[in-house]
Protein backbone atom coordinates (compact mmCIF):
# COMPACT_ATOMS: atom_id res chain seq x y z
CA MET A 1 -0.50 0.21 0.04
CA SER A 2 1.65 3.04 -0.68
CA ILE A 3 1.77 6.19 1.56
CA ARG A 4 -0.37 8.06 -0.26
CA GLN A 5 -3.40 5.17 0.10
CA LYS A 6 -2.35 4.94 3.56
CA ARG A 7 -2.67 8.62 4.53
CA LEU A 8 -6.07 8.55 2.84
CA GLU A 9 -7.45 6.07 5.20
CA ASN A 10 -6.02 7.60 8.72
CA ASP A 11 -7.80 10.80 7.32
CA TYR A 12 -10.96 9.05 7.11
CA ARG A 13 -11.07 7.85 10.39
CA SER A 14 -9.82 10.71 12.02
CA LEU A 15 -12.73 12.64 10.04
CA GLN A 16 -14.93 10.02 11.38
CA LYS A 17 -13.85 10.58 15.06
CA ILE A 18 -14.40 14.37 14.81
CA CYS A 19 -18.00 13.85 13.74
CA ALA A 20 -18.22 11.33 16.51
CA PHE A 21 -17.90 13.78 19.03
CA ASN A 22 -21.20 15.27 20.98
CA GLU A 23 -19.80 19.37 21.40
CA ILE A 24 -20.25 22.60 20.25
CA VAL A 25 -19.16 22.09 16.43
CA ASN A 26 -20.91 19.44 14.92
CA VAL A 27 -19.40 18.06 11.48
CA LYS A 28 -21.19 15.21 9.92
CA ILE A 29 -19.52 13.83 6.39
CA LEU A 30 -23.20 13.80 4.01
CA GLU A 31 -21.27 11.71 1.07
CA LYS A 32 -18.04 10.46 -0.18
CA SER A 33 -16.19 8.36 -2.55
CA GLY A 34 -13.41 6.40 -3.47
CA GLN A 35 -12.10 3.50 -1.50
CA PRO A 36 -10.54 5.01 1.04
CA PRO A 37 -12.25 8.09 0.31
CA GLU A 38 -10.42 11.22 -2.02
CA TYR A 39 -14.57 13.38 -2.36
CA TYR A 40 -16.17 14.66 0.89
CA ARG A 41 -19.24 16.54 1.11
CA ILE A 42 -19.30 17.48 5.09
CA LYS A 43 -22.02 19.80 6.63
CA ILE A 44 -20.72 21.74 9.88
CA SER A 45 -23.29 22.97 12.50
CA ASN A 46 -23.31 25.29 15.25
CA CYS A 47 -20.64 27.23 13.82
CA LYS A 48 -21.38 31.02 13.37
CA GLY A 49 -20.04 32.52 10.19
CA VAL A 50 -20.91 35.60 8.09
CA GLU A 51 -22.72 34.98 5.03
CA SER A 52 -23.08 38.35 3.96
CA VAL A 53 -23.07 41.79 4.54
CA ILE A 54 -25.22 44.63 3.65
CA ASN A 55 -24.92 48.60 4.82
CA ASN A 56 -21.98 46.93 6.69
CA THR A 57 -24.63 45.08 8.65
CA PRO A 58 -23.67 41.55 8.93
CA LYS A 59 -25.97 38.26 8.18
CA TYR A 60 -24.65 35.10 10.21
CA ARG A 61 -25.50 31.76 9.98
CA THR A 62 -24.46 28.43 11.65
CA GLU A 63 -24.63 25.72 9.02
CA HIS A 64 -22.14 24.99 6.24
CA THR A 65 -21.50 22.73 3.90
CA ILE A 66 -17.77 22.10 2.47
CA VAL A 67 -16.88 19.68 -0.33
CA ILE A 68 -13.24 18.41 -0.25
CA LYS A 69 -11.88 16.99 -3.83
CA ASP A 70 -9.13 16.91 -6.32
CA PHE A 71 -6.46 15.48 -3.65
CA PRO A 72 -3.36 15.93 -5.70
CA PHE A 73 -0.96 12.96 -6.69
CA ASN A 74 1.73 13.48 -4.17
CA TYR A 75 -0.48 13.98 -1.64
CA PRO A 76 0.13 14.24 1.37
CA ASP A 77 3.48 15.78 0.86
CA PRO A 78 3.86 18.77 2.77
CA GLY A 79 2.07 21.82 1.51
CA VAL A 80 0.21 19.85 -0.89
CA LEU A 81 -3.80 20.39 -0.04
CA PRO A 82 -6.95 18.85 -1.94
CA THR A 83 -9.29 21.60 -2.78
CA VAL A 84 -11.90 22.81 0.00
CA ARG A 85 -14.99 24.88 -1.50
CA ILE A 86 -17.80 26.31 0.46
CA GLU A 87 -21.30 25.40 -0.87
CA THR A 88 -23.15 27.61 1.20
CA PRO A 89 -22.79 31.60 1.18
CA ILE A 90 -20.24 33.17 3.24
CA PHE A 91 -18.17 36.38 3.26
CA HIS A 92 -14.82 35.97 4.42
CA PRO A 93 -11.50 37.26 3.25
CA ASN A 94 -10.06 33.63 2.29
CA VAL A 95 -12.92 32.84 0.39
CA TYR A 96 -13.56 33.04 -3.36
CA GLU A 97 -16.85 34.88 -4.36
CA HIS A 98 -17.57 30.97 -5.79
CA GLY A 99 -16.66 29.44 -2.90
CA MET A 100 -13.30 27.98 -3.08
CA VAL A 101 -11.02 28.44 0.39
CA CYS A 102 -7.72 30.21 -0.33
CA PHE A 103 -5.07 29.09 1.93
CA GLY A 104 -2.01 30.95 0.50
CA GLY A 105 -0.02 32.32 2.57
CA ASN A 106 -0.47 30.61 5.49
CA GLU A 107 1.48 27.38 7.24
CA LEU A 108 -0.87 25.26 5.52
CA ASN A 109 1.58 26.29 2.10
CA THR A 110 4.33 24.20 4.38
CA LEU A 111 3.14 21.76 6.78
CA ASN A 112 1.92 17.96 6.64
CA GLN A 113 -1.04 17.69 8.03
CA PRO A 114 -4.10 15.33 8.37
CA LEU A 115 -7.59 16.40 6.86
CA ASN A 116 -9.55 16.70 10.26
CA ALA A 117 -6.18 19.19 10.84
CA LEU A 118 -7.75 20.76 7.49
CA VAL A 119 -11.48 20.79 8.69
CA LYS A 120 -10.34 22.09 12.08
CA ARG A 121 -8.95 24.93 9.81
CA VAL A 122 -12.00 25.84 8.19
CA ILE A 123 -14.31 26.25 10.74
CA SER A 124 -11.70 28.03 12.66
CA MET A 125 -11.32 30.47 9.47
CA ILE A 126 -15.24 30.18 9.19
CA GLN A 127 -15.42 32.13 12.90
CA TYR A 128 -13.01 34.33 12.31
CA GLU A 129 -10.50 33.42 14.22
CA ILE A 130 -7.63 33.15 12.06
CA LEU A 131 -7.66 36.95 11.61
CA ARG A 132 -4.03 36.92 8.82
CA PHE A 133 -5.77 38.01 5.66
CA GLY A 134 -3.04 38.40 3.51
CA MET A 135 -4.27 38.59 -0.40
CA PRO A 136 -7.21 38.29 0.14
CA ALA A 137 -9.52 36.22 -1.59
CA ASN A 138 -12.47 38.72 -1.96
CA SER A 139 -11.23 42.21 -1.00
CA ALA A 140 -14.26 43.55 0.15
CA ALA A 141 -14.65 40.64 2.84
CA LYS A 142 -11.20 41.72 4.30
CA ALA A 143 -11.91 45.67 4.01
CA TRP A 144 -14.77 44.95 6.19
CA ALA A 145 -13.42 42.80 8.78
CA GLU A 146 -10.77 45.00 9.07
CA ARG A 147 -12.53 47.85 9.93
CA ASN A 148 -14.80 45.30 12.58
CA LYS A 149 -12.55 42.94 14.34
CA HIS A 150 -14.09 44.16 17.21
CA LEU A 151 -16.65 41.62 16.76
CA PHE A 152 -14.21 38.63 16.23
CA PRO A 153 -14.02 35.48 17.08
CA LEU A 154 -17.28 34.76 16.10
CA SER A 155 -19.29 32.70 18.62
CA THR A 156 -22.25 30.52 18.89
CA ALA A 157 -22.18 30.62 22.41
CA SER A 158 -25.59 32.58 24.28
CA ASP A 159 -23.64 35.78 25.06
CA GLY A 160 -23.56 36.95 21.48
CA GLY A 161 -20.23 36.25 20.75
CA GLN A 162 -18.50 38.84 23.07
CA SER A 163 -16.07 35.56 24.55
CA LYS A 164 -13.77 33.45 22.85
CA PRO A 165 -15.52 29.83 21.36
CA LYS A 166 -14.61 27.27 22.33
CA LEU A 167 -13.35 25.00 19.68
CA ILE A 168 -13.99 21.80 20.77
CA TRP A 169 -14.91 19.16 17.83
CA ARG A 170 -17.56 17.20 16.13
């Protein structure tokens, strides 16, 4: 068995583990394909993110669907990542208007991390816990986020987002 095949199998098991925990942020595999899987459609619930901004007022959503696919042939070499796209509307500096997530300019480009860590990274990004935007995929979202840093990080807690959310995964 190749290193790639073994890693893909381990990635699937690690993703199943974060789906199994009954915690604050819920992760559920909606669809997968391949043996081992190389395509995932994942639902993330109870994860506050910005859907849109109208007249400087954010509209929030707590449920998101992401697709992870196109694992490169040299996966899991450091910096080699699959494609991640958020299907549900999101207004974020690191997400293009068509939903593609841009990881350019951050440490993921040099690290070798399992798939569950990538999913956790996307969750942290959705909640604006990561405020290093670099060259933005969405410059309007970057400008808005820089003007509104006092709103971050977002939280699904009953305090209206005033405390740092606990990063516990399901």
